[in-house]
Amino acid sequence: MSGVMILEDLRDPAHFAAARQTIDTNLLGTIRVVDAFADLGGIDGRHHRD
């Protein structure tokens, strides 16, 4: 997994675009990768396996 570190100027209202991209890549990207591997392994968080 990889991430980004985009510099933001918090005084500029346009910094939300950079924040959104950072969150999409670093947080949601990680969740997407975990979900993809969970699907490949047959892991289903809704059902308990013994």
PDB file of N, CA and C in Angstrom:
ATOM      1  N   MET A   1       0.845  -1.168   0.000  1.00  0.00           N
ATOM      2  CA  MET A   1       0.000   0.000   0.000  1.00  0.00           C
ATOM      3  C   MET A   1       0.895   1.238   0.000  1.00  0.00           C
ATOM      4  N   SER A   2       0.362   2.277  -0.541  1.00  0.00           N
ATOM      5  CA  SER A   2       1.119   3.523  -0.582  1.00  0.00           C
ATOM      6  C   SER A   2       0.218   4.677  -0.161  1.00  0.00           C
ATOM      7  N   GLY A   3       0.821   5.810   0.019  1.00  0.00           N
ATOM      8  CA  GLY A   3       0.048   6.967   0.449  1.00  0.00           C
ATOM      9  C   GLY A   3       0.601   8.234  -0.169  1.00  0.00           C
ATOM     10  N   VAL A   4      -0.085   9.327   0.099  1.00  0.00           N
ATOM     11  CA  VAL A   4       0.344  10.629  -0.385  1.00  0.00           C
ATOM     12  C   VAL A   4       0.428  11.595   0.783  1.00  0.00           C
ATOM     13  N   MET A   5       1.228  12.621   0.599  1.00  0.00           N
ATOM     14  CA  MET A   5       1.311  13.694   1.582  1.00  0.00           C
ATOM     15  C   MET A   5       1.312  15.003   0.798  1.00  0.00           C
ATOM     16  N   ILE A   6       0.137  15.549   0.616  1.00  0.00           N
ATOM     17  CA  ILE A   6      -0.024  16.763  -0.173  1.00  0.00           C
ATOM     18  C   ILE A   6       0.037  17.961   0.776  1.00  0.00           C
ATOM     19  N   LEU A   7       0.909  18.891   0.468  1.00  0.00           N
ATOM     20  CA  LEU A   7       1.015  20.087   1.298  1.00  0.00           C
ATOM     21  C   LEU A   7      -0.232  20.942   1.126  1.00  0.00           C
ATOM     22  N   GLU A   8      -0.742  21.450   2.237  1.00  0.00           N
ATOM     23  CA  GLU A   8      -1.956  22.261   2.201  1.00  0.00           C
ATOM     24  C   GLU A   8      -1.686  23.614   2.853  1.00  0.00           C
ATOM     25  N   ASP A   9      -2.278  24.633   2.278  1.00  0.00           N
ATOM     26  CA  ASP A   9      -2.269  25.957   2.887  1.00  0.00           C
ATOM     27  C   ASP A   9      -3.634  26.133   3.544  1.00  0.00           C
ATOM     28  N   LEU A  10      -3.691  25.978   4.854  1.00  0.00           N
ATOM     29  CA  LEU A  10      -4.961  26.004   5.565  1.00  0.00           C
ATOM     30  C   LEU A  10      -5.638  27.372   5.520  1.00  0.00           C
ATOM     31  N   ARG A  11      -4.921  28.390   5.080  1.00  0.00           N
ATOM     32  CA  ARG A  11      -5.519  29.720   4.933  1.00  0.00           C
ATOM     33  C   ARG A  11      -6.317  29.832   3.646  1.00  0.00           C
ATOM     34  N   ASP A  12      -6.096  28.901   2.729  1.00  0.00           N
ATOM     35  CA  ASP A  12      -6.762  28.915   1.432  1.00  0.00           C
ATOM     36  C   ASP A  12      -7.951  27.948   1.465  1.00  0.00           C
ATOM     37  N   PRO A  13      -9.161  28.446   1.251  1.00  0.00           N
ATOM     38  CA  PRO A  13     -10.329  27.555   1.282  1.00  0.00           C
ATOM     39  C   PRO A  13     -10.238  26.400   0.286  1.00  0.00           C
ATOM     40  N   ALA A  14      -9.422  26.525  -0.723  1.00  0.00           N
ATOM     41  CA  ALA A  14      -9.275  25.461  -1.715  1.00  0.00           C
ATOM     42  C   ALA A  14      -8.494  24.261  -1.180  1.00  0.00           C
ATOM     43  N   HIS A  15      -7.992  24.344   0.039  1.00  0.00           N
ATOM     44  CA  HIS A  15      -7.206  23.231   0.587  1.00  0.00           C
ATOM     45  C   HIS A  15      -8.062  21.982   0.803  1.00  0.00           C
ATOM     46  N   PHE A  16      -9.379  22.126   0.779  1.00  0.00           N
ATOM     47  CA  PHE A  16     -10.248  20.960   0.959  1.00  0.00           C
ATOM     48  C   PHE A  16     -10.057  19.936  -0.154  1.00  0.00           C
ATOM     49  N   ALA A  17      -9.735  20.373  -1.350  1.00  0.00           N
ATOM     50  CA  ALA A  17      -9.498  19.435  -2.451  1.00  0.00           C
ATOM     51  C   ALA A  17      -8.281  18.560  -2.148  1.00  0.00           C
ATOM     52  N   ALA A  18      -7.233  19.155  -1.618  1.00  0.00           N
ATOM     53  CA  ALA A  18      -6.041  18.388  -1.245  1.00  0.00           C
ATOM     54  C   ALA A  18      -6.347  17.454  -0.090  1.00  0.00           C
ATOM     55  N   ALA A  19      -7.116  17.929   0.880  1.00  0.00           N
ATOM     56  CA  ALA A  19      -7.490  17.079   2.014  1.00  0.00           C
ATOM     57  C   ALA A  19      -8.326  15.896   1.541  1.00  0.00           C
ATOM     58  N   ARG A  20      -9.247  16.158   0.634  1.00  0.00           N
ATOM     59  CA  ARG A  20     -10.100  15.092   0.103  1.00  0.00           C
ATOM     60  C   ARG A  20      -9.255  14.047  -0.630  1.00  0.00           C
ATOM     61  N   GLN A  21      -8.304  14.478  -1.415  1.00  0.00           N
ATOM     62  CA  GLN A  21      -7.443  13.549  -2.153  1.00  0.00           C
ATOM     63  C   GLN A  21      -6.584  12.729  -1.193  1.00  0.00           C
ATOM     64  N   THR A  22      -6.074  13.365  -0.152  1.00  0.00           N
ATOM     65  CA  THR A  22      -5.268  12.660   0.841  1.00  0.00           C
ATOM     66  C   THR A  22      -6.088  11.579   1.535  1.00  0.00           C
ATOM     67  N   ILE A  23      -7.292  11.923   1.950  1.00  0.00           N
ATOM     68  CA  ILE A  23      -8.158  10.954   2.635  1.00  0.00           C
ATOM     69  C   ILE A  23      -8.562   9.838   1.681  1.00  0.00           C
ATOM     70  N   ASP A  24      -8.888  10.188   0.444  1.00  0.00           N
ATOM     71  CA  ASP A  24      -9.290   9.172  -0.526  1.00  0.00           C
ATOM     72  C   ASP A  24      -8.166   8.177  -0.780  1.00  0.00           C
ATOM     73  N   THR A  25      -6.946   8.673  -0.869  1.00  0.00           N
ATOM     74  CA  THR A  25      -5.813   7.793  -1.137  1.00  0.00           C
ATOM     75  C   THR A  25      -5.374   7.025   0.107  1.00  0.00           C
ATOM     76  N   ASN A  26      -5.133   7.729   1.203  1.00  0.00           N
ATOM     77  CA  ASN A  26      -4.532   7.103   2.381  1.00  0.00           C
ATOM     78  C   ASN A  26      -5.511   6.260   3.189  1.00  0.00           C
ATOM     79  N   LEU A  27      -6.726   6.699   3.331  1.00  0.00           N
ATOM     80  CA  LEU A  27      -7.700   5.961   4.141  1.00  0.00           C
ATOM     81  C   LEU A  27      -8.559   5.045   3.279  1.00  0.00           C
ATOM     82  N   LEU A  28      -9.272   5.629   2.338  1.00  0.00           N
ATOM     83  CA  LEU A  28     -10.178   4.821   1.529  1.00  0.00           C
ATOM     84  C   LEU A  28      -9.421   3.856   0.616  1.00  0.00           C
ATOM     85  N   GLY A  29      -8.259   4.249   0.145  1.00  0.00           N
ATOM     86  CA  GLY A  29      -7.438   3.343  -0.661  1.00  0.00           C
ATOM     87  C   GLY A  29      -7.039   2.108   0.122  1.00  0.00           C
ATOM     88  N   THR A  30      -6.668   2.296   1.374  1.00  0.00           N
ATOM     89  CA  THR A  30      -6.312   1.170   2.236  1.00  0.00           C
ATOM     90  C   THR A  30      -7.518   0.263   2.460  1.00  0.00           C
ATOM     91  N   ILE A  31      -8.668   0.849   2.693  1.00  0.00           N
ATOM     92  CA  ILE A  31      -9.886   0.061   2.897  1.00  0.00           C
ATOM     93  C   ILE A  31     -10.221  -0.728   1.632  1.00  0.00           C
ATOM     94  N   ARG A  32     -10.062  -0.111   0.476  1.00  0.00           N
ATOM     95  CA  ARG A  32     -10.334  -0.813  -0.784  1.00  0.00           C
ATOM     96  C   ARG A  32      -9.410  -2.005  -0.984  1.00  0.00           C
ATOM     97  N   VAL A  33      -8.132  -1.851  -0.659  1.00  0.00           N
ATOM     98  CA  VAL A  33      -7.180  -2.951  -0.798  1.00  0.00           C
ATOM     99  C   VAL A  33      -7.538  -4.091   0.155  1.00  0.00           C
ATOM    100  N   VAL A  34      -7.845  -3.768   1.398  1.00  0.00           N
ATOM    101  CA  VAL A  34      -8.221  -4.793   2.373  1.00  0.00           C
ATOM    102  C   VAL A  34      -9.482  -5.518   1.903  1.00  0.00           C
ATOM    103  N   ASP A  35     -10.469  -4.777   1.427  1.00  0.00           N
ATOM    104  CA  ASP A  35     -11.692  -5.397   0.920  1.00  0.00           C
ATOM    105  C   ASP A  35     -11.409  -6.328  -0.253  1.00  0.00           C
ATOM    106  N   ALA A  36     -10.532  -5.900  -1.160  1.00  0.00           N
ATOM    107  CA  ALA A  36     -10.212  -6.733  -2.323  1.00  0.00           C
ATOM    108  C   ALA A  36      -9.570  -8.038  -1.896  1.00  0.00           C
ATOM    109  N   PHE A  37      -8.642  -7.981  -0.951  1.00  0.00           N
ATOM    110  CA  PHE A  37      -7.992  -9.206  -0.496  1.00  0.00           C
ATOM    111  C   PHE A  37      -8.941 -10.068   0.338  1.00  0.00           C
ATOM    112  N   ALA A  38      -9.829  -9.450   1.083  1.00  0.00           N
ATOM    113  CA  ALA A  38     -10.809 -10.208   1.862  1.00  0.00           C
ATOM    114  C   ALA A  38     -11.732 -10.974   0.919  1.00  0.00           C
ATOM    115  N   ASP A  39     -12.121 -10.353  -0.184  1.00  0.00           N
ATOM    116  CA  ASP A  39     -12.972 -11.024  -1.172  1.00  0.00           C
ATOM    117  C   ASP A  39     -12.245 -12.216  -1.788  1.00  0.00           C
ATOM    118  N   LEU A  40     -10.971 -12.080  -2.064  1.00  0.00           N
ATOM    119  CA  LEU A  40     -10.204 -13.175  -2.660  1.00  0.00           C
ATOM    120  C   LEU A  40     -10.058 -14.351  -1.708  1.00  0.00           C
ATOM    121  N   GLY A  41      -9.973 -14.055  -0.421  1.00  0.00           N
ATOM    122  CA  GLY A  41      -9.770 -15.115   0.563  1.00  0.00           C
ATOM    123  C   GLY A  41     -11.056 -15.706   1.100  1.00  0.00           C
ATOM    124  N   GLY A  42     -12.191 -15.235   0.619  1.00  0.00           N
ATOM    125  CA  GLY A  42     -13.460 -15.761   1.090  1.00  0.00           C
ATOM    126  C   GLY A  42     -13.820 -15.290   2.487  1.00  0.00           C
ATOM    127  N   ILE A  43     -13.222 -14.204   2.926  1.00  0.00           N
ATOM    128  CA  ILE A  43     -13.507 -13.684   4.259  1.00  0.00           C
ATOM    129  C   ILE A  43     -14.774 -12.844   4.193  1.00  0.00           C
ATOM    130  N   ASP A  44     -15.681 -13.105   5.093  1.00  0.00           N
ATOM    131  CA  ASP A  44     -16.931 -12.347   5.151  1.00  0.00           C
ATOM    132  C   ASP A  44     -17.147 -11.918   6.581  1.00  0.00           C
ATOM    133  N   GLY A  45     -17.022 -10.625   6.845  1.00  0.00           N
ATOM    134  CA  GLY A  45     -17.142 -10.115   8.194  1.00  0.00           C
ATOM    135  C   GLY A  45     -18.517 -10.274   8.799  1.00  0.00           C
ATOM    136  N   ARG A  46     -19.519 -10.633   7.994  1.00  0.00           N
ATOM    137  CA  ARG A  46     -20.874 -10.781   8.510  1.00  0.00           C
ATOM    138  C   ARG A  46     -21.124 -12.163   9.105  1.00  0.00           C
ATOM    139  N   HIS A  47     -20.251 -13.115   8.803  1.00  0.00           N
ATOM    140  CA  HIS A  47     -20.451 -14.485   9.277  1.00  0.00           C
ATOM    141  C   HIS A  47     -19.229 -14.945  10.058  1.00  0.00           C
ATOM    142  N   HIS A  48     -19.478 -15.560  11.165  1.00  0.00           N
ATOM    143  CA  HIS A  48     -18.388 -16.071  11.999  1.00  0.00           C
ATOM    144  C   HIS A  48     -18.024 -17.472  11.524  1.00  0.00           C
ATOM    145  N   ARG A  49     -16.744 -17.726  11.369  1.00  0.00           N
ATOM    146  CA  ARG A  49     -16.265 -19.045  10.979  1.00  0.00           C
ATOM    147  C   ARG A  49     -15.533 -19.666  12.134  1.00  0.00           C
ATOM    148  N   ASP A  50     -15.757 -20.938  12.346  1.00  0.00           N
ATOM    149  CA  ASP A  50     -15.034 -21.674  13.401  1.00  0.00           C
ATOM    150  C   ASP A  50     -13.851 -22.406  12.834  1.00  0.00           C
TER     151      ASP A  50
END
